[in-house]
């Protein structure tokens, strides 16, 4: 496949006016910019960052709880005994179940849940990129084929003008009728209409492409290359047996579902582990006075508190976790089946489109042009009628229009194959 000259710096730092300096936007250029500027990918990146925050939260060690209190006893005379005091002080510290979390494995399971969720989020982001890249590729194709169609339309417009001049010369010489002039003029006007429609189609395609690439408005000098105006450049051995293992390995949506299974499995273990009560060990110190007769001599106390699962055994959380695990397992199986279906459909479309494109590029286009040229020559020599010449011209134009549609089908099938396998097949 032809490629435009590579940038010396990332596309991110290149303003669009550089394309006016003999630099047209190729498919690879468009994909490179989309991966750095695409609106939907930027939003997807934020979801990944949020999942990273959840993992940081899961890894966090709870801060200890500290307490301090001071008070005064009323209707009490501390002078009546040595070391007595009416002022009380107390302080305490508890670990907020940090030790218990470590011993029961709850913290480890929370980290496992968050890490699997992060991995799933990353694969989901990659799947969004895979899905949207198909749209970008399709829009680049639309723009390139619209540009090619405009070139064909302008050429047809010139041919129509030339034909009208030729018919007008023959009419003035008395060789054709006024009806022939009218037919030639109708063809010229139809060509003018086609040029206007082709320009509108190209402008619309450029606007849609600019939006996908992250532009707030369509640059006036945005231009596309012609690397998709011919077939070829695909790797060999495009078959279900060759591509299915690659698709099962590379598809990010399938990988995301597998990580969701891991997440839900860890979440189920965590829900069951919640039945083990959290222990809150604590240390406290209190005193009100210091002598033997003090209301509260200096006292150091060690304790532990917990909530035993007497009335509720976390059955609801466990049931929900089991249902989530079953859902994720079935979703993974469904996605794997979808991969095979997507690939089989894409291969069928590619085989058909490749055959039609090869036929068009091999003989059909060449023969249609040759037939048109021969009839034109015959008409100039008076050996063919204007009707035959115009019919040959229409057949030639229809063949080129069909070729544009065939190219669209071919590259769409290629892009569907790449989307189905999760990798690029173009060389």
Protein backbone atom coordinates (compact mmCIF):
# COMPACT_ATOMS: atom_id res chain seq x y z
CA UNK A 1 0.00 0.00 0.00
CA UNK A 2 1.22 3.46 -0.84
CA UNK A 3 1.97 5.70 2.09
CA UNK A 4 2.55 9.43 2.33
CA UNK A 5 5.94 10.69 3.54
CA UNK A 6 6.18 10.16 7.30
CA UNK A 7 6.17 13.12 9.66
CA UNK A 8 9.42 14.07 11.39
CA UNK A 9 7.38 14.89 14.50
CA UNK A 10 4.13 13.39 15.80
CA UNK A 11 1.05 14.52 13.93
CA UNK A 12 -0.17 16.10 17.13
CA UNK A 13 2.22 19.02 16.61
CA UNK A 14 1.43 19.60 12.94
CA UNK A 15 -1.15 22.22 12.00
CA UNK A 16 -3.49 21.32 9.19
CA UNK A 17 -2.06 23.94 6.83
CA UNK A 18 0.91 21.64 6.26
CA UNK A 19 -1.36 19.54 4.12
CA UNK A 20 -1.44 22.40 1.67
CA UNK A 21 2.31 21.89 1.19
CA UNK A 22 2.01 18.77 -0.98
CA UNK A 23 0.97 16.72 2.07
CA UNK A 24 -2.36 14.91 1.74
CA UNK A 25 -4.02 13.08 4.60
CA UNK A 26 -3.51 9.34 4.25
CA UNK A 27 -5.38 6.68 6.17
CA UNK A 28 -2.43 6.18 8.54
CA UNK A 29 -2.20 9.95 9.13
CA UNK A 30 -5.89 10.07 9.99
CA UNK A 31 -5.64 7.14 12.40
CA UNK A 32 -2.60 8.66 14.09
CA UNK A 33 -4.37 11.93 14.69
CA UNK A 34 -7.58 10.20 15.80
CA UNK A 35 -5.67 8.26 18.46
CA UNK A 36 -4.42 11.51 20.00
CA UNK A 37 -7.26 13.95 19.32
CA UNK A 38 -10.46 11.88 18.95
CA UNK A 39 -13.16 13.20 21.30
CA UNK A 40 -14.55 9.77 22.22
CA UNK A 41 -11.11 8.36 22.97
CA UNK A 42 -10.36 11.27 25.30
CA UNK A 43 -13.59 10.47 27.17
CA UNK A 44 -12.65 6.78 27.28
CA UNK A 45 -9.25 7.70 28.71
CA UNK A 46 -11.02 9.45 31.58
CA UNK A 47 -12.83 6.20 32.42
CA UNK A 48 -9.49 4.40 32.64
CA UNK A 49 -8.14 7.10 34.95
CA UNK A 50 -11.22 6.69 37.14
CA UNK A 51 -10.58 2.94 37.36
CA UNK A 52 -6.96 3.68 38.31
CA UNK A 53 -8.32 5.82 41.12
CA UNK A 54 -10.46 2.91 42.34
CA UNK A 55 -7.35 0.72 42.44
CA UNK A 56 -5.49 3.35 44.45
CA UNK A 57 -8.41 3.45 46.90
CA UNK A 58 -8.39 -0.34 47.22
CA UNK A 59 -4.66 -0.36 47.94
CA UNK A 60 -4.93 2.37 50.57
CA UNK A 61 -4.24 1.49 54.21
CA UNK A 62 -6.80 2.99 56.55
CA UNK A 63 -5.57 5.78 58.78
CA UNK A 64 -5.58 4.93 62.52
CA UNK A 65 -8.28 6.47 64.63
CA UNK A 66 -6.97 8.69 67.42
CA UNK A 67 -9.01 10.09 70.31
CA UNK A 68 -8.27 12.46 73.16
CA UNK A 69 -10.53 13.77 75.92
CA UNK A 70 -10.20 15.97 78.99
CA UNK A 71 -12.75 16.79 81.70
CA UNK A 72 -13.31 18.01 85.27
CA UNK A 73 -15.01 16.36 88.22
CA UNK A 74 -17.47 18.57 90.13
CA UNK A 75 -18.16 18.56 93.87
CA UNK A 76 -14.76 17.01 94.47
CA UNK A 77 -11.91 18.50 96.52
CA UNK A 78 -8.57 17.08 95.28
CA UNK A 79 -6.70 18.73 98.19
CA UNK A 80 -8.00 16.18 100.62
CA UNK A 81 -5.58 13.52 99.33
CA UNK A 82 -2.08 13.45 97.93
CA UNK A 83 -1.82 13.08 94.16
CA UNK A 84 -5.53 13.58 93.65
CA UNK A 85 -6.87 15.76 90.84
CA UNK A 86 -10.30 16.84 89.57
CA UNK A 87 -9.00 16.99 85.98
CA UNK A 88 -9.36 13.83 83.92
CA UNK A 89 -7.51 13.04 80.71
CA UNK A 90 -7.82 10.08 78.32
CA UNK A 91 -6.41 9.07 74.94
CA UNK A 92 -6.88 6.10 72.65
CA UNK A 93 -5.86 4.65 69.29
CA UNK A 94 -7.39 1.93 67.09
CA UNK A 95 -6.11 0.55 63.76
CA UNK A 96 -9.48 0.69 61.90
CA UNK A 97 -9.31 -3.03 61.16
CA UNK A 98 -6.04 -2.75 59.18
CA UNK A 99 -4.54 -5.82 60.81
CA UNK A 100 -7.79 -7.73 60.49
CA UNK A 101 -8.05 -6.86 56.77
CA UNK A 102 -4.57 -8.21 56.19
CA UNK A 103 -5.09 -11.39 58.18
CA UNK A 104 -8.46 -12.25 56.57
CA UNK A 105 -7.31 -11.35 53.04
CA UNK A 106 -10.09 -8.81 52.49
CA UNK A 107 -7.68 -6.08 51.43
CA UNK A 108 -6.00 -8.42 48.95
CA UNK A 109 -9.37 -9.33 47.45
CA UNK A 110 -10.43 -5.69 47.19
CA UNK A 111 -7.19 -4.97 45.32
CA UNK A 112 -7.82 -7.96 43.04
CA UNK A 113 -11.33 -6.69 42.25
CA UNK A 114 -10.09 -3.18 41.49
CA UNK A 115 -7.14 -4.41 39.42
CA UNK A 116 -9.36 -6.67 37.29
CA UNK A 117 -11.80 -3.78 36.84
CA UNK A 118 -8.91 -1.55 35.71
CA UNK A 119 -7.72 -4.18 33.22
CA UNK A 120 -11.28 -4.52 31.92
CA UNK A 121 -11.54 -0.75 31.61
CA UNK A 122 -8.33 -0.60 29.61
CA UNK A 123 -9.56 -3.32 27.26
CA UNK A 124 -12.90 -1.55 26.95
CA UNK A 125 -11.07 1.61 25.99
CA UNK A 126 -9.13 -0.39 23.39
CA UNK A 127 -12.40 -1.80 22.11
CA UNK A 128 -13.84 1.69 21.77
CA UNK A 129 -10.75 2.57 19.74
CA UNK A 130 -11.21 -0.56 17.61
CA UNK A 131 -14.85 0.27 16.94
CA UNK A 132 -14.31 3.94 16.24
CA UNK A 133 -11.28 3.31 14.05
CA UNK A 134 -13.59 1.42 11.70
CA UNK A 135 -15.69 4.58 11.47
CA UNK A 136 -12.59 6.70 10.83
CA UNK A 137 -11.37 4.31 8.15
CA UNK A 138 -14.80 4.32 6.52
CA UNK A 139 -14.90 8.12 6.53
CA UNK A 140 -11.40 8.40 5.05
CA UNK A 141 -12.53 5.96 2.37
CA UNK A 142 -15.65 8.04 1.73
CA UNK A 143 -13.57 11.19 1.38
CA UNK A 144 -11.01 9.58 -0.95
CA UNK A 145 -13.66 7.98 -3.14
CA UNK A 146 -15.63 11.23 -3.18
CA UNK A 147 -12.48 12.99 -4.36
CA UNK A 148 -12.02 10.33 -7.04
CA UNK A 149 -15.67 10.63 -8.06
CA UNK A 150 -15.25 14.38 -8.40
CA UNK A 151 -12.24 13.85 -10.64
CA UNK A 152 -14.27 11.44 -12.76
CA UNK A 153 -17.16 13.92 -12.88
CA UNK A 154 -14.90 16.76 -13.99
CA UNK A 155 -13.43 14.52 -16.67
CA UNK A 156 -16.93 13.55 -17.80
CA UNK A 157 -17.88 17.22 -17.85
CA UNK A 158 -14.97 17.94 -20.17
CA UNK A 159 -15.89 14.97 -22.35
CA UNK A 160 -19.44 16.23 -22.51
CA UNK A 161 -18.27 19.67 -23.55
CA UNK A 162 -16.00 18.19 -26.21
CA UNK A 163 -18.83 16.02 -27.50
CA UNK A 164 -21.17 18.99 -27.69
CA UNK A 165 -18.59 20.93 -29.68
CA UNK A 166 -18.10 18.01 -32.05
CA UNK A 167 -21.83 17.56 -32.58
CA UNK A 168 -22.27 21.29 -33.09
CA UNK A 169 -19.57 21.28 -35.78
CA UNK A 170 -21.24 18.36 -37.55
CA UNK A 171 -24.64 20.01 -37.19
CA UNK A 172 -23.37 23.18 -38.86
CA UNK A 173 -21.98 20.99 -41.62
CA UNK A 174 -25.38 19.39 -42.03
CA UNK A 175 -24.20 15.94 -40.96
CA UNK A 176 -26.50 15.60 -37.91
CA UNK A 177 -29.90 16.85 -36.87
CA UNK A 178 -30.87 19.37 -34.24
CA UNK A 179 -32.10 16.46 -32.11
CA UNK A 180 -28.52 15.17 -31.91
CA UNK A 181 -27.40 18.58 -30.67
CA UNK A 182 -30.10 18.46 -28.01
CA UNK A 183 -28.99 14.98 -26.90
CA UNK A 184 -25.37 16.11 -26.64
CA UNK A 185 -26.39 19.19 -24.69
CA UNK A 186 -28.45 17.08 -22.28
CA UNK A 187 -25.40 14.91 -21.66
CA UNK A 188 -23.28 18.02 -21.02
CA UNK A 189 -25.85 19.40 -18.55
CA UNK A 190 -26.08 16.05 -16.78
CA UNK A 191 -22.28 16.10 -16.42
CA UNK A 192 -22.50 19.60 -14.91
CA UNK A 193 -25.05 18.30 -12.41
CA UNK A 194 -22.80 15.38 -11.53
CA UNK A 195 -19.89 17.74 -10.80
CA UNK A 196 -22.00 19.80 -8.38
CA UNK A 197 -23.22 16.68 -6.60
CA UNK A 198 -19.68 15.26 -6.40
CA UNK A 199 -18.37 18.50 -4.87
CA UNK A 200 -21.14 18.48 -2.27
CA UNK A 201 -20.43 14.84 -1.44
CA UNK A 202 -16.71 15.54 -1.02
CA UNK A 203 -17.33 18.56 1.22
CA UNK A 204 -19.70 16.53 3.40
CA UNK A 205 -17.19 13.68 3.67
CA UNK A 206 -14.42 16.08 4.68
CA UNK A 207 -16.64 17.67 7.34
CA UNK A 208 -17.51 14.30 8.86
CA UNK A 209 -13.85 13.25 8.80
CA UNK A 210 -12.68 16.49 10.43
CA UNK A 211 -15.14 15.96 13.29
CA UNK A 212 -13.88 12.43 13.91
CA UNK A 213 -10.29 13.69 13.96
CA UNK A 214 -11.04 16.24 16.67
CA UNK A 215 -11.34 19.46 14.65
CA UNK A 216 -13.84 22.02 15.86
CA UNK A 217 -14.45 23.02 12.24
CA UNK A 218 -13.43 21.70 8.85
CA UNK A 219 -10.05 23.17 7.77
CA UNK A 220 -10.41 24.88 4.41
CA UNK A 221 -7.30 23.20 3.03
CA UNK A 222 -7.98 19.70 4.33
CA UNK A 223 -7.08 17.26 1.57
CA UNK A 224 -7.08 13.49 1.43
CA UNK A 225 -4.68 11.18 -0.37
CA UNK A 226 -5.53 8.46 -2.88
CA UNK A 227 -4.13 5.42 -1.09
CA UNK A 228 -7.58 3.79 -1.05
CA UNK A 229 -8.45 4.40 -4.70
CA UNK A 230 -7.11 1.00 -5.69
CA UNK A 231 -7.24 -2.46 -4.15
CA UNK A 232 -4.43 -4.59 -2.79
CA UNK A 233 -1.92 -4.44 0.03
CA UNK A 234 -3.60 -7.10 2.17
CA UNK A 235 -1.72 -9.98 3.76
CA UNK A 236 -2.09 -13.42 2.23
CA UNK A 237 -4.13 -16.34 3.56
CA UNK A 238 -7.28 -14.50 4.56
CA UNK A 239 -9.35 -17.41 5.84
CA UNK A 240 -11.39 -18.29 8.90
CA UNK A 241 -8.91 -20.93 10.07
CA UNK A 242 -5.98 -18.52 9.76
CA UNK A 243 -7.61 -15.49 11.36
CA UNK A 244 -9.87 -16.95 14.07
CA UNK A 245 -7.03 -17.72 16.55
CA UNK A 246 -5.65 -14.25 15.98
CA UNK A 247 -9.06 -12.69 16.56
CA UNK A 248 -9.62 -14.65 19.79
CA UNK A 249 -6.22 -13.46 20.99
CA UNK A 250 -6.44 -9.80 19.93
CA UNK A 251 -10.07 -8.75 20.32
CA UNK A 252 -10.13 -6.27 23.23
CA UNK A 253 -13.85 -6.75 23.88
CA UNK A 254 -13.26 -10.44 24.51
CA UNK A 255 -10.29 -9.64 26.75
CA UNK A 256 -12.46 -7.15 28.66
CA UNK A 257 -15.10 -9.80 29.37
CA UNK A 258 -12.44 -12.19 30.62
CA UNK A 259 -11.17 -9.57 33.05
CA UNK A 260 -14.76 -8.98 34.14
CA UNK A 261 -14.96 -12.67 34.98
CA UNK A 262 -11.83 -12.28 37.11
CA UNK A 263 -13.29 -9.22 38.79
CA UNK A 264 -16.61 -10.88 39.61
CA UNK A 265 -14.84 -14.03 40.85
CA UNK A 266 -12.74 -11.98 43.26
CA UNK A 267 -15.83 -10.02 44.28
CA UNK A 268 -17.61 -13.26 45.16
CA UNK A 269 -14.70 -14.38 47.35
CA UNK A 270 -14.72 -10.95 49.01
CA UNK A 271 -18.47 -11.17 49.68
CA UNK A 272 -18.01 -14.56 51.35
CA UNK A 273 -15.03 -13.26 53.33
CA UNK A 274 -17.23 -10.48 54.76
CA UNK A 275 -18.77 -13.08 57.09
CA UNK A 276 -15.50 -13.00 59.02
CA UNK A 277 -15.97 -10.04 61.38
CA UNK A 278 -13.51 -7.18 61.29
CA UNK A 279 -11.48 -6.86 64.49
CA UNK A 280 -10.71 -3.41 65.87
CA UNK A 281 -7.86 -3.65 68.38
CA UNK A 282 -7.38 -0.56 70.48
CA UNK A 283 -5.09 0.95 73.09
CA UNK A 284 -6.35 3.58 75.54
CA UNK A 285 -4.87 5.56 78.41
CA UNK A 286 -6.78 7.39 81.12
CA UNK A 287 -6.07 9.12 84.44
CA UNK A 288 -7.57 11.53 86.94
CA UNK A 289 -4.94 12.04 89.55
CA UNK A 290 -1.90 9.89 90.25
CA UNK A 291 -1.98 8.68 93.84
CA UNK A 292 -3.47 5.62 95.46
CA UNK A 293 -6.55 7.60 96.35
CA UNK A 294 -6.97 9.17 92.88
CA UNK A 295 -10.35 8.81 91.23
CA UNK A 296 -8.63 7.22 88.19
CA UNK A 297 -4.97 6.31 88.61
CA UNK A 298 -2.94 6.20 85.36
CA UNK A 299 -4.38 3.23 83.47
CA UNK A 300 -3.34 1.62 80.16
CA UNK A 301 -6.02 -0.52 78.54
CA UNK A 302 -5.84 -2.93 75.57
CA UNK A 303 -9.05 -4.01 73.89
CA UNK A 304 -10.65 -5.37 70.75
CA UNK A 305 -14.11 -4.88 69.29
CA UNK A 306 -15.97 -6.60 66.47
CA UNK A 307 -19.47 -7.18 65.12
CA UNK A 308 -20.25 -10.92 64.98
CA UNK A 309 -22.59 -12.01 62.13
CA UNK A 310 -25.35 -13.21 64.42
CA UNK A 311 -28.46 -11.90 62.65
CA UNK A 312 -27.16 -11.28 59.10
CA UNK A 313 -24.71 -13.48 57.25
CA UNK A 314 -24.18 -11.32 54.10
CA UNK A 315 -26.34 -13.69 52.08
CA UNK A 316 -27.60 -10.83 49.88
CA UNK A 317 -24.11 -9.67 48.91
CA UNK A 318 -23.07 -13.25 48.16
CA UNK A 319 -26.14 -13.88 45.99
CA UNK A 320 -25.53 -10.71 44.00
CA UNK A 321 -21.87 -11.61 43.51
CA UNK A 322 -22.80 -15.12 42.32
CA UNK A 323 -25.29 -13.68 39.84
CA UNK A 324 -22.70 -11.20 38.57
CA UNK A 325 -20.14 -13.98 38.09
CA UNK A 326 -22.63 -16.07 36.12
CA UNK A 327 -23.53 -13.05 33.99
CA UNK A 328 -19.89 -12.30 33.18
CA UNK A 329 -19.16 -15.92 32.29
CA UNK A 330 -22.07 -16.07 29.87
CA UNK A 331 -21.11 -12.66 28.45
CA UNK A 332 -17.59 -13.94 27.78
CA UNK A 333 -19.00 -17.00 26.00
CA UNK A 334 -21.35 -14.79 24.00
CA UNK A 335 -18.54 -12.44 23.01
CA UNK A 336 -16.35 -15.34 21.90
CA UNK A 337 -19.17 -16.60 19.70
CA UNK A 338 -19.65 -13.07 18.37
CA UNK A 339 -15.98 -12.94 17.37
CA UNK A 340 -16.41 -16.02 15.20
CA UNK A 341 -19.61 -14.66 13.66
CA UNK A 342 -18.06 -11.26 12.92
CA UNK A 343 -15.05 -12.86 11.28
CA UNK A 344 -17.09 -15.26 9.14
CA UNK A 345 -19.32 -12.42 7.93
CA UNK A 346 -16.33 -10.19 7.15
CA UNK A 347 -14.50 -12.94 5.25
CA UNK A 348 -17.58 -13.65 3.12
CA UNK A 349 -17.90 -9.96 2.25
CA UNK A 350 -14.18 -9.70 1.49
CA UNK A 351 -14.11 -12.73 -0.83
CA UNK A 352 -17.01 -11.35 -2.86
CA UNK A 353 -15.64 -7.80 -2.99
CA UNK A 354 -12.13 -8.97 -3.88
CA UNK A 355 -13.44 -11.02 -6.81
CA UNK A 356 -15.50 -8.12 -8.17
CA UNK A 357 -12.66 -5.63 -7.72
CA UNK A 358 -10.17 -7.88 -9.48
CA UNK A 359 -12.57 -8.24 -12.40
CA UNK A 360 -13.10 -4.47 -12.58
CA UNK A 361 -9.40 -3.63 -12.41
CA UNK A 362 -8.36 -6.51 -14.64
CA UNK A 363 -10.48 -6.08 -17.77
CA UNK A 364 -13.79 -4.36 -17.25
CA UNK A 365 -12.58 -0.78 -16.85
CA UNK A 366 -10.07 -1.12 -19.66
CA UNK A 367 -12.61 -2.62 -22.06
CA UNK A 368 -15.26 -0.01 -21.25
CA UNK A 369 -12.78 2.79 -21.98
CA UNK A 370 -11.60 1.05 -25.16
CA UNK A 371 -15.18 0.58 -26.39
CA UNK A 372 -15.97 4.25 -25.73
CA UNK A 373 -12.86 5.42 -27.60
CA UNK A 374 -13.56 3.15 -30.57
CA UNK A 375 -17.16 4.32 -30.92
CA UNK A 376 -16.03 7.93 -30.58
CA UNK A 377 -13.56 7.40 -33.41
CA UNK A 378 -16.27 5.74 -35.48
CA UNK A 379 -18.62 8.63 -34.81
CA UNK A 380 -16.00 11.17 -35.88
CA UNK A 381 -15.65 9.26 -39.16
CA UNK A 382 -19.38 8.93 -39.61
CA UNK A 383 -19.41 5.16 -39.12
CA UNK A 384 -21.46 5.28 -35.90
CA UNK A 385 -24.49 7.27 -34.83
CA UNK A 386 -24.56 9.80 -32.01
CA UNK A 387 -26.86 7.47 -30.09
CA UNK A 388 -24.25 4.72 -30.21
CA UNK A 389 -21.51 7.13 -29.13
CA UNK A 390 -23.57 8.52 -26.22
CA UNK A 391 -24.53 5.00 -25.21
CA UNK A 392 -20.86 3.97 -25.13
CA UNK A 393 -20.06 7.06 -23.10
CA UNK A 394 -22.84 6.29 -20.60
CA UNK A 395 -21.66 2.70 -20.31
CA UNK A 396 -18.14 3.93 -19.59
CA UNK A 397 -19.38 6.36 -16.95
CA UNK A 398 -21.59 3.70 -15.38
CA UNK A 399 -18.65 1.30 -15.25
CA UNK A 400 -16.49 3.85 -13.43
CA UNK A 401 -19.34 4.55 -11.01
CA UNK A 402 -19.63 0.83 -10.40
CA UNK A 403 -15.89 0.69 -9.83
CA UNK A 404 -16.13 3.37 -7.13
CA UNK A 405 -18.86 1.34 -5.42
CA UNK A 406 -16.82 -1.85 -5.79
CA UNK A 407 -13.80 -0.17 -4.20
CA UNK A 408 -16.03 1.01 -1.38
CA UNK A 409 -17.25 -2.56 -0.86
CA UNK A 410 -13.69 -3.91 -1.03
CA UNK A 411 -12.16 -1.57 1.52
CA UNK A 412 -15.21 -1.74 3.78
CA UNK A 413 -14.78 -5.52 3.82
CA UNK A 414 -11.07 -5.09 4.62
CA UNK A 415 -11.89 -2.71 7.47
CA UNK A 416 -14.53 -5.14 8.75
CA UNK A 417 -11.90 -7.89 8.73
CA UNK A 418 -9.53 -5.68 10.72
CA UNK A 419 -12.29 -4.82 13.16
CA UNK A 420 -13.25 -8.48 13.51
CA UNK A 421 -9.67 -9.62 14.16
CA UNK A 422 -8.66 -6.63 16.29
CA UNK A 423 -5.52 -6.06 14.21
CA UNK A 424 -4.46 -4.41 10.96
CA UNK A 425 -4.23 -6.71 7.96
CA UNK A 426 -2.93 -4.11 5.51
CA UNK A 427 0.76 -4.35 4.73
